[in-house]
C-alpha cells in the first residue's frame, strides 16, 4: 500500500495496532468473564438460535465452581460460532442411512398399497440432533422406505455402496420379516441397526448398532440415544421461529409449574405408584403442578390427551419434569425436558433399572431387574434429581423450590452436561460408522468392504 505522506503512514499503523489490541482484548475478556457478566454487558444473546434475556444485576453467584460452570456455558455458546464445521470448509464423509419399510408402523395394508405411520424411534434420524451435536466430519443421507426383500433381490443400490452405510430395521415381537438375516442379505455392505427393542430381546442377534442401550451389548457395538420425538422437536423449533426474538427459555426460578407429570400409567407399574402418590399428596400441597396421567396408552396423535404444542408449552414452563420409566428407563421425555430447559426427576429404581416394568402379562417376573442392563448408565452422574422412591417427591420438591438460586445453577449445569454428553455420544457414533470393521454377518454372503431449538436460559 502506498502513502502520499508520512502522516498517512503513521495513522494507518496506529489504526492497525488499535484493531489488533481490540481483538486481543475481546478474546481475553471472553475467557475471563462469567456468563452472567457477559449477558449483562451484551443484553440479549443467542444460543443455538433461541434468545436469552440478560441476567439481572442483583443475581448472586454462589461459588467459584458456579462461575466456572457459567463460563463453560458461555464458551458453549461461543462453540457454535467457533466450531470448525461452521467456520471453515472441511472434508466430510458421507454416511447413507437406509430406513427399511419394516421400520415404520403399518397403519393400513391393502392388496394395492401399504400406508405407513411414522415410527417415533426414527426421530433421531429426522431431527437435527446428529448435525447439531456432530463434529462436522460426517454428512448423512437418509433414504426412507427402502426394501428388505425375502429373496434378497437388492434393488436399492446398497450392494454397490462404497461409502459407509447403515441399514435400519424395527424389532417386532412376532413375525419380524426384516430380521438380522434379511437385513444383512439385502444390505451386505452396510452396518445394521435395530430400533424399538425396549426389552433388549435382540441383544443376542448380530446387529451392529441399536437404540436402547444395554451394557450387555458387545463393546464395539454402536448406540444412539432416543433424543426428542420428531413432533416435539418440530413444535419447539416452530415456537422459536414464530416468536423469535421474543422466544425465551426461562430460568428455573421464573417458571410457573414446580413439576409436570405427563404420562400413561399402563407401560410400567411404577408409573401407577407415582400417580397414586400425586393423587394422594396433590390436594394438600401448595405446589403448582401440571398433571395429565392417563390410564391407557393413547395413539400418537392424542399423546397424553395433550396436543404436542401444549405439551411443549408445559415443559417450557416447568422447573422439573417427572420421568418415570416406561417399557424402558430411557424415554423421549428425558430429552424433550432438557431441550426445553426442564430438569428430569427419576426414581432410583427407574434410573438404575432395578425393576422390570412388569406389564399385566408378565406378573410372574415379580421384582426382576429390567432386561436392558444399565440402560441409563450415562445419566448416573448427570445433575438431575434422583428420589429414593416416588413417596419422596413432594418433600423433595418443596425443599428444592426454597432455593431459587440453586435451581438456576442446576439448570445451567444440566445444560453444560447435556451438551457434552450429546456431543460425546454422537462423536462416538460417527467413529463407529467410519470404522469399516463390521460384525460377522448372519448370512453366508461375504463381500469385501472398500476402504445439524435448543436450550437457553434467560
Foldseek 3Di string as FASTA:
>chain_A
DDDPDVVVVVVVVVVVVVVVVVVVVVVVVLQVFFLLVVCVVVAWDAAPQAIAGHDDPPQDQDDVVLSVLRSLLSVNRCCVVVQCLPPHDDAAAEEEEEEALQQFDFDDDDPVDTDTDHDQLCQVVVFFLLAALESNRYDYHYHYHAHQDPVLPADPCLVVDQGEYEYEHEDDPPDRPRDQQSRCSNRVQYQYEYEPPQQCPCQVPQHQEYEQAFPSHPPLRAYDYSAAGNQLSVLLVVVSVVCPPVDAQAFLLPFDAQEEAQEECQQFVLSVVLVVLCVVCVVVDPGHYHYQYHPDQDDPCCGSVDGSNVVLVRLSRYQAYEQEDGQHLGDNVCNSNLQSLHAYEYEPCSQQQQAHRDGVVRVVCPRHGRSRGNRNVVCPPALHHYHPGSNCVPVVSVVVSVDSSVSSSSSSSNNSSVSVVSSVSSHSNVVSSQPSDGGDGPDPDHDDHDDGSGDDYD
